[in-house]
Amino acid sequence: MFYGFVKSQWEAGKVSVGLPAVGFPGKPSLHGAGFKVSSAIAFLSDKEKAEIVELAKKDARGKCEA
């Protein structure tokens, strides 16, 4: 339910994904612009959060290769 909303907000640039540096342990973080987006992120399952992180990784790789 919240995944579609958060994904659309990520595509609109209202969700940022913080990835840990290569070689360092850490968990990616999701941050939303505004209360509504931040609240929706809080209700995502770990699997849904991981899917958003994978979208961000693919986007970052695409920009590096271009």
Protein backbone atom coordinates (compact mmCIF):
# COMPACT_ATOMS: atom_id res chain seq x y z
CA MET A 1 0.00 0.00 0.00
CA PHE A 2 2.72 2.47 0.95
CA TYR A 3 5.33 1.09 -1.45
CA GLY A 4 3.72 2.57 -4.57
CA PHE A 5 3.44 5.98 -2.93
CA VAL A 6 7.05 5.96 -1.69
CA LYS A 7 8.31 4.76 -5.08
CA SER A 8 6.48 7.58 -6.87
CA GLN A 9 7.88 10.08 -4.37
CA TRP A 10 11.40 8.70 -4.93
CA GLU A 11 10.93 9.12 -8.69
CA ALA A 12 9.82 12.72 -8.03
CA GLY A 13 12.95 13.36 -5.96
CA LYS A 14 11.22 13.61 -2.60
CA VAL A 15 12.86 10.51 -1.10
CA SER A 16 16.61 10.27 -0.66
CA VAL A 17 18.49 7.04 -0.12
CA GLY A 18 21.67 7.09 1.93
CA LEU A 19 23.98 4.24 0.97
CA PRO A 20 26.94 3.21 3.12
CA ALA A 21 30.39 3.67 1.63
CA VAL A 22 31.86 0.73 -0.26
CA GLY A 23 33.69 -1.57 2.12
CA PHE A 24 32.03 -0.24 5.25
CA PRO A 25 29.30 -2.04 7.12
CA GLY A 26 26.06 -0.21 7.45
CA LYS A 27 22.43 -0.20 6.59
CA PRO A 28 21.02 2.05 3.86
CA SER A 29 18.68 4.76 5.09
CA LEU A 30 15.62 6.32 3.51
CA HIS A 31 14.64 9.92 4.18
CA GLY A 32 11.47 11.61 2.99
CA ALA A 33 10.71 15.25 2.38
CA GLY A 34 7.80 16.10 4.60
CA PHE A 35 5.73 14.38 7.24
CA LYS A 36 3.52 12.38 4.85
CA VAL A 37 6.42 10.85 2.93
CA SER A 38 8.45 10.18 6.08
CA SER A 39 5.46 8.50 7.69
CA ALA A 40 4.88 6.28 4.66
CA ILE A 41 8.55 5.20 4.75
CA ALA A 42 8.13 4.17 8.38
CA PHE A 43 5.37 1.73 7.37
CA LEU A 44 7.38 -0.02 4.64
CA SER A 45 8.52 -3.57 5.29
CA ASP A 46 12.22 -4.41 5.17
CA LYS A 47 11.67 -6.06 1.78
CA GLU A 48 9.97 -2.94 0.38
CA LYS A 49 12.75 -0.71 1.71
CA ALA A 50 15.31 -3.00 0.07
CA GLU A 51 13.46 -2.65 -3.26
CA ILE A 52 13.64 1.16 -3.05
CA VAL A 53 17.36 0.89 -2.22
CA GLU A 54 17.90 -1.35 -5.26
CA LEU A 55 16.16 1.24 -7.46
CA ALA A 56 18.54 3.89 -6.12
CA LYS A 57 21.57 1.67 -6.73
CA LYS A 58 20.49 0.99 -10.33
CA ASP A 59 19.93 4.70 -10.85
CA ALA A 60 23.37 5.54 -9.44
CA ARG A 61 25.07 2.90 -11.60
CA GLY A 62 23.29 4.23 -14.67
CA LYS A 63 24.53 7.74 -13.98
CA CYS A 64 28.10 6.53 -13.44
CA GLU A 65 28.13 4.63 -16.72
CA ALA A 66 26.67 7.48 -18.76
